Amino acid sequence: MARRLQRDTNRPSFARRLMRAREGSTAVEFALLALPFFMLLFAILEVGLILLLDAVLETAATDAGRLVRTGQVQMQGITPEVIKNRFCAQMNVFANDCQSRATMDIRVVDSFSDPIAPDPTKTNVFDPSELKIEPGNAGDTVLVRIWYKHQVVMPFLSQAISKMKSGEVYLTTTMAFRNEPYQ
């Protein structure tokens, strides 16, 4: 009996054996770090996609604004639908559902320093009711604004970059110019 007690006291306890065991520790560490790592990785990819979309949007908006600035819209009687179609054709990879995601506002303003134009996002709900397409005449100061609705996949990223109640992200591009003397 004394021998049995001596053997039991020399034997490490279950807790000590568990603390010394290294089998599976890598899997546990990976499990703890995998979720934050992949969330960060996907957030970086999503921000990259948004920056790419922003660059494509800016280029397409510049091309659409050029139609107005050079008088092509006014002289050829190009309709707002055609302007939007040409804009969406320039959106390259993002052209598939551009018609439903893009909203345009082209209007004549009094000056570059104080363009008075309604903000469709002022109530944190996108309201395009006051937007219009008014390209103006030769020499007019024109403000072109385009909003493009983008669905963000990462929820915490949407909360960080969206001011809309719905969590939708609207990329916006704005340009102001004086129409060329095309007449």
C-alpha atoms as a PDB file:
ATOM      1  CA  MET A   1       0.000   0.000   0.000  1.00  0.00           C
ATOM      2  CA  ALA A   2       2.803   2.339   0.867  1.00  0.00           C
ATOM      3  CA  ARG A   3       4.384   1.532  -2.460  1.00  0.00           C
ATOM      4  CA  ARG A   4       1.171   2.342  -4.266  1.00  0.00           C
ATOM      5  CA  LEU A   5       0.870   5.725  -2.549  1.00  0.00           C
ATOM      6  CA  GLN A   6       4.451   6.513  -3.408  1.00  0.00           C
ATOM      7  CA  ARG A   7       3.882   5.734  -7.069  1.00  0.00           C
ATOM      8  CA  ASP A   8       0.760   7.953  -7.181  1.00  0.00           C
ATOM      9  CA  THR A   9       2.567  10.925  -5.651  1.00  0.00           C
ATOM     10  CA  ASN A  10       5.424  10.634  -8.128  1.00  0.00           C
ATOM     11  CA  ARG A  11       3.050  10.540 -11.059  1.00  0.00           C
ATOM     12  CA  PRO A  12       2.191  14.028 -12.468  1.00  0.00           C
ATOM     13  CA  SER A  13      -1.380  15.147 -12.098  1.00  0.00           C
ATOM     14  CA  PHE A  14      -3.737  15.404 -15.029  1.00  0.00           C
ATOM     15  CA  ALA A  15      -3.525  19.198 -14.994  1.00  0.00           C
ATOM     16  CA  ARG A  16       0.271  19.140 -15.163  1.00  0.00           C
ATOM     17  CA  ARG A  17       0.264  16.614 -17.987  1.00  0.00           C
ATOM     18  CA  LEU A  18      -2.230  18.791 -19.866  1.00  0.00           C
ATOM     19  CA  MET A  19      -0.060  21.873 -19.406  1.00  0.00           C
ATOM     20  CA  ARG A  20       3.015  20.076 -20.745  1.00  0.00           C
ATOM     21  CA  ALA A  21       1.254  18.498 -23.711  1.00  0.00           C
ATOM     22  CA  ARG A  22       1.955  20.306 -26.993  1.00  0.00           C
ATOM     23  CA  GLU A  23      -0.123  18.187 -29.344  1.00  0.00           C
ATOM     24  CA  GLY A  24      -2.788  20.346 -30.986  1.00  0.00           C
ATOM     25  CA  SER A  25      -1.506  23.679 -29.674  1.00  0.00           C
ATOM     26  CA  THR A  26      -0.871  24.924 -33.214  1.00  0.00           C
ATOM     27  CA  ALA A  27      -4.439  24.118 -34.216  1.00  0.00           C
ATOM     28  CA  VAL A  28      -5.814  25.957 -31.201  1.00  0.00           C
ATOM     29  CA  GLU A  29      -3.608  29.007 -31.878  1.00  0.00           C
ATOM     30  CA  PHE A  30      -4.665  29.010 -35.525  1.00  0.00           C
ATOM     31  CA  ALA A  31      -8.324  28.781 -34.541  1.00  0.00           C
ATOM     32  CA  LEU A  32      -7.926  31.799 -32.261  1.00  0.00           C
ATOM     33  CA  LEU A  33      -6.149  33.892 -34.920  1.00  0.00           C
ATOM     34  CA  ALA A  34      -7.880  32.720 -38.106  1.00  0.00           C
ATOM     35  CA  LEU A  35     -11.116  34.702 -37.764  1.00  0.00           C
ATOM     36  CA  PRO A  36      -9.473  38.107 -37.134  1.00  0.00           C
ATOM     37  CA  PHE A  37      -6.861  37.391 -39.800  1.00  0.00           C
ATOM     38  CA  PHE A  38      -9.382  36.505 -42.505  1.00  0.00           C
ATOM     39  CA  MET A  39     -11.680  39.396 -41.547  1.00  0.00           C
ATOM     40  CA  LEU A  40      -8.740  41.781 -41.904  1.00  0.00           C
ATOM     41  CA  LEU A  41      -7.710  40.154 -45.181  1.00  0.00           C
ATOM     42  CA  PHE A  42     -11.212  40.444 -46.676  1.00  0.00           C
ATOM     43  CA  ALA A  43     -11.530  44.037 -45.426  1.00  0.00           C
ATOM     44  CA  ILE A  44      -8.272  44.935 -47.203  1.00  0.00           C
ATOM     45  CA  LEU A  45      -9.534  43.289 -50.396  1.00  0.00           C
ATOM     46  CA  GLU A  46     -12.857  45.118 -50.116  1.00  0.00           C
ATOM     47  CA  VAL A  47     -11.173  48.491 -49.612  1.00  0.00           C
ATOM     48  CA  GLY A  48      -9.045  47.744 -52.681  1.00  0.00           C
ATOM     49  CA  LEU A  49     -12.199  46.981 -54.672  1.00  0.00           C
ATOM     50  CA  ILE A  50     -13.789  50.237 -53.490  1.00  0.00           C
ATOM     51  CA  LEU A  51     -10.693  52.214 -54.529  1.00  0.00           C
ATOM     52  CA  LEU A  52     -10.746  50.524 -57.947  1.00  0.00           C
ATOM     53  CA  LEU A  53     -14.453  51.286 -58.311  1.00  0.00           C
ATOM     54  CA  ASP A  54     -13.807  54.904 -57.314  1.00  0.00           C
ATOM     55  CA  ALA A  55     -11.114  55.305 -59.978  1.00  0.00           C
ATOM     56  CA  VAL A  56     -13.332  53.761 -62.669  1.00  0.00           C
ATOM     57  CA  LEU A  57     -16.246  55.932 -61.530  1.00  0.00           C
ATOM     58  CA  GLU A  58     -14.117  59.081 -61.721  1.00  0.00           C
ATOM     59  CA  THR A  59     -12.942  58.257 -65.250  1.00  0.00           C
ATOM     60  CA  ALA A  60     -16.446  57.450 -66.485  1.00  0.00           C
ATOM     61  CA  ALA A  61     -17.806  60.647 -64.918  1.00  0.00           C
ATOM     62  CA  THR A  62     -15.089  62.702 -66.618  1.00  0.00           C
ATOM     63  CA  ASP A  63     -16.082  61.226 -69.979  1.00  0.00           C
ATOM     64  CA  ALA A  64     -19.770  61.924 -69.318  1.00  0.00           C
ATOM     65  CA  GLY A  65     -18.938  65.479 -68.238  1.00  0.00           C
ATOM     66  CA  ARG A  66     -16.969  65.983 -71.439  1.00  0.00           C
ATOM     67  CA  LEU A  67     -20.165  65.339 -73.433  1.00  0.00           C
ATOM     68  CA  VAL A  68     -21.777  68.274 -71.647  1.00  0.00           C
ATOM     69  CA  ARG A  69     -18.733  70.564 -71.585  1.00  0.00           C
ATOM     70  CA  THR A  70     -18.063  70.281 -75.326  1.00  0.00           C
ATOM     71  CA  GLY A  71     -21.715  70.847 -76.271  1.00  0.00           C
ATOM     72  CA  GLN A  72     -22.357  67.379 -77.699  1.00  0.00           C
ATOM     73  CA  VAL A  73     -25.371  66.882 -75.432  1.00  0.00           C
ATOM     74  CA  GLN A  74     -26.859  70.246 -76.383  1.00  0.00           C
ATOM     75  CA  MET A  75     -26.079  70.215 -80.121  1.00  0.00           C
ATOM     76  CA  GLN A  76     -27.009  66.573 -80.773  1.00  0.00           C
ATOM     77  CA  GLY A  77     -30.011  66.530 -78.444  1.00  0.00           C
ATOM     78  CA  ILE A  78     -28.617  63.662 -76.389  1.00  0.00           C
ATOM     79  CA  THR A  79     -31.164  62.518 -73.802  1.00  0.00           C
ATOM     80  CA  PRO A  80     -30.396  61.832 -70.117  1.00  0.00           C
ATOM     81  CA  GLU A  81     -30.816  58.101 -70.781  1.00  0.00           C
ATOM     82  CA  VAL A  82     -28.120  58.208 -73.465  1.00  0.00           C
ATOM     83  CA  ILE A  83     -25.780  60.141 -71.139  1.00  0.00           C
ATOM     84  CA  LYS A  84     -26.290  57.458 -68.481  1.00  0.00           C
ATOM     85  CA  ASN A  85     -25.813  54.674 -71.059  1.00  0.00           C
ATOM     86  CA  ARG A  86     -22.507  56.206 -72.181  1.00  0.00           C
ATOM     87  CA  PHE A  87     -21.454  56.645 -68.574  1.00  0.00           C
ATOM     88  CA  CYS A  88     -22.270  53.002 -67.784  1.00  0.00           C
ATOM     89  CA  ALA A  89     -20.441  51.806 -70.908  1.00  0.00           C
ATOM     90  CA  GLN A  90     -17.282  53.380 -69.451  1.00  0.00           C
ATOM     91  CA  MET A  91     -17.704  51.548 -66.128  1.00  0.00           C
ATOM     92  CA  ASN A  92     -15.945  48.463 -67.596  1.00  0.00           C
ATOM     93  CA  VAL A  93     -16.178  45.598 -65.091  1.00  0.00           C
ATOM     94  CA  PHE A  94     -18.886  47.345 -63.081  1.00  0.00           C
ATOM     95  CA  ALA A  95     -21.164  48.030 -66.085  1.00  0.00           C
ATOM     96  CA  ASN A  96     -23.545  45.084 -65.525  1.00  0.00           C
ATOM     97  CA  ASP A  97     -25.907  46.741 -63.061  1.00  0.00           C
ATOM     98  CA  CYS A  98     -24.715  50.315 -63.486  1.00  0.00           C
ATOM     99  CA  GLN A  99     -28.126  51.513 -64.684  1.00  0.00           C
ATOM    100  CA  SER A 100     -29.742  50.631 -61.362  1.00  0.00           C
ATOM    101  CA  ARG A 101     -26.836  51.769 -59.183  1.00  0.00           C
ATOM    102  CA  ALA A 102     -25.843  55.106 -60.754  1.00  0.00           C
ATOM    103  CA  THR A 103     -27.714  58.363 -60.199  1.00  0.00           C
ATOM    104  CA  MET A 104     -26.754  61.566 -62.044  1.00  0.00           C
ATOM    105  CA  ASP A 105     -27.304  65.242 -61.380  1.00  0.00           C
ATOM    106  CA  ILE A 106     -26.226  67.761 -64.028  1.00  0.00           C
ATOM    107  CA  ARG A 107     -27.243  71.361 -63.401  1.00  0.00           C
ATOM    108  CA  VAL A 108     -26.312  74.954 -64.135  1.00  0.00           C
ATOM    109  CA  VAL A 109     -24.997  76.799 -61.053  1.00  0.00           C
ATOM    110  CA  ASP A 110     -24.370  80.499 -60.465  1.00  0.00           C
ATOM    111  CA  SER A 111     -20.677  80.247 -59.634  1.00  0.00           C
ATOM    112  CA  PHE A 112     -17.851  77.871 -58.831  1.00  0.00           C
ATOM    113  CA  SER A 113     -17.423  79.260 -55.323  1.00  0.00           C
ATOM    114  CA  ASP A 114     -21.020  78.812 -54.168  1.00  0.00           C
ATOM    115  CA  PRO A 115     -22.796  76.106 -56.149  1.00  0.00           C
ATOM    116  CA  ILE A 116     -26.259  75.737 -54.664  1.00  0.00           C
ATOM    117  CA  ALA A 117     -27.401  72.183 -55.267  1.00  0.00           C
ATOM    118  CA  PRO A 118     -29.542  69.887 -53.144  1.00  0.00           C
ATOM    119  CA  ASP A 119     -27.833  67.099 -51.238  1.00  0.00           C
ATOM    120  CA  PRO A 120     -29.757  63.825 -51.716  1.00  0.00           C
ATOM    121  CA  THR A 121     -27.988  62.277 -48.699  1.00  0.00           C
ATOM    122  CA  LYS A 122     -28.748  64.999 -46.133  1.00  0.00           C
ATOM    123  CA  THR A 123     -31.335  62.889 -44.274  1.00  0.00           C
ATOM    124  CA  ASN A 124     -29.102  59.763 -44.281  1.00  0.00           C
ATOM    125  CA  VAL A 125     -31.527  58.227 -46.776  1.00  0.00           C
ATOM    126  CA  PHE A 126     -30.753  58.645 -50.481  1.00  0.00           C
ATOM    127  CA  ASP A 127     -33.481  60.829 -52.017  1.00  0.00           C
ATOM    128  CA  PRO A 128     -32.982  61.564 -55.743  1.00  0.00           C
ATOM    129  CA  SER A 129     -36.269  63.486 -56.112  1.00  0.00           C
ATOM    130  CA  GLU A 130     -34.587  66.921 -56.476  1.00  0.00           C
ATOM    131  CA  LEU A 131     -31.907  65.807 -58.942  1.00  0.00           C
ATOM    132  CA  LYS A 132     -32.119  66.766 -62.608  1.00  0.00           C
ATOM    133  CA  ILE A 133     -30.255  66.743 -65.903  1.00  0.00           C
ATOM    134  CA  GLU A 134     -29.807  70.327 -67.126  1.00  0.00           C
ATOM    135  CA  PRO A 135     -26.643  70.672 -69.265  1.00  0.00           C
ATOM    136  CA  GLY A 136     -26.994  74.420 -69.852  1.00  0.00           C
ATOM    137  CA  ASN A 137     -25.736  76.500 -72.763  1.00  0.00           C
ATOM    138  CA  ALA A 138     -22.341  77.662 -74.000  1.00  0.00           C
ATOM    139  CA  GLY A 139     -20.457  79.549 -71.270  1.00  0.00           C
ATOM    140  CA  ASP A 140     -22.675  78.301 -68.397  1.00  0.00           C
ATOM    141  CA  THR A 141     -21.121  77.031 -65.188  1.00  0.00           C
ATOM    142  CA  VAL A 142     -22.198  73.411 -64.800  1.00  0.00           C
ATOM    143  CA  LEU A 143     -22.018  71.059 -61.829  1.00  0.00           C
ATOM    144  CA  VAL A 144     -21.969  67.308 -62.571  1.00  0.00           C
ATOM    145  CA  ARG A 145     -22.474  64.895 -59.677  1.00  0.00           C
ATOM    146  CA  ILE A 146     -22.792  61.133 -59.873  1.00  0.00           C
ATOM    147  CA  TRP A 147     -23.629  58.730 -57.043  1.00  0.00           C
ATOM    148  CA  TYR A 148     -22.927  55.026 -57.378  1.00  0.00           C
ATOM    149  CA  LYS A 149     -24.454  52.620 -54.862  1.00  0.00           C
ATOM    150  CA  HIS A 150     -22.058  49.864 -53.817  1.00  0.00           C
ATOM    151  CA  GLN A 151     -22.966  46.922 -51.617  1.00  0.00           C
ATOM    152  CA  VAL A 152     -20.210  46.295 -49.069  1.00  0.00           C
ATOM    153  CA  VAL A 153     -19.789  42.677 -47.972  1.00  0.00           C
ATOM    154  CA  MET A 154     -17.976  43.195 -44.664  1.00  0.00           C
ATOM    155  CA  PRO A 155     -20.554  44.527 -42.158  1.00  0.00           C
ATOM    156  CA  PHE A 156     -18.088  46.328 -39.885  1.00  0.00           C
ATOM    157  CA  LEU A 157     -16.595  48.073 -42.925  1.00  0.00           C
ATOM    158  CA  SER A 158     -20.046  49.213 -44.025  1.00  0.00           C
ATOM    159  CA  GLN A 159     -20.640  50.710 -40.585  1.00  0.00           C
ATOM    160  CA  ALA A 160     -17.326  52.539 -40.773  1.00  0.00           C
ATOM    161  CA  ILE A 161     -17.708  54.140 -44.207  1.00  0.00           C
ATOM    162  CA  SER A 162     -21.459  54.607 -44.699  1.00  0.00           C
ATOM    163  CA  LYS A 163     -23.516  57.452 -43.351  1.00  0.00           C
ATOM    164  CA  MET A 164     -26.770  55.992 -44.679  1.00  0.00           C
ATOM    165  CA  LYS A 165     -29.270  54.422 -42.301  1.00  0.00           C
ATOM    166  CA  SER A 166     -29.515  51.378 -44.565  1.00  0.00           C
ATOM    167  CA  GLY A 167     -25.742  50.798 -44.455  1.00  0.00           C
ATOM    168  CA  GLU A 168     -25.427  51.250 -48.222  1.00  0.00           C
ATOM    169  CA  VAL A 169     -22.293  52.950 -49.458  1.00  0.00           C
ATOM    170  CA  TYR A 170     -22.635  55.677 -52.088  1.00  0.00           C
ATOM    171  CA  LEU A 171     -19.465  56.603 -53.938  1.00  0.00           C
ATOM    172  CA  THR A 172     -19.716  60.152 -55.216  1.00  0.00           C
ATOM    173  CA  THR A 173     -17.847  62.045 -57.871  1.00  0.00           C
ATOM    174  CA  THR A 174     -18.312  65.743 -58.512  1.00  0.00           C
ATOM    175  CA  MET A 175     -16.945  68.080 -61.142  1.00  0.00           C
ATOM    176  CA  ALA A 176     -17.632  71.670 -62.040  1.00  0.00           C
ATOM    177  CA  PHE A 177     -16.709  73.368 -65.298  1.00  0.00           C
ATOM    178  CA  ARG A 178     -17.673  76.132 -67.675  1.00  0.00           C
ATOM    179  CA  ASN A 179     -19.198  74.909 -70.934  1.00  0.00           C
ATOM    180  CA  GLU A 180     -17.065  75.617 -73.977  1.00  0.00           C
ATOM    181  CA  PRO A 181     -18.272  78.123 -76.594  1.00  0.00           C
ATOM    182  CA  TYR A 182     -19.563  75.410 -78.903  1.00  0.00           C
ATOM    183  CA  GLN A 183     -22.092  77.527 -80.809  1.00  0.00           C
END
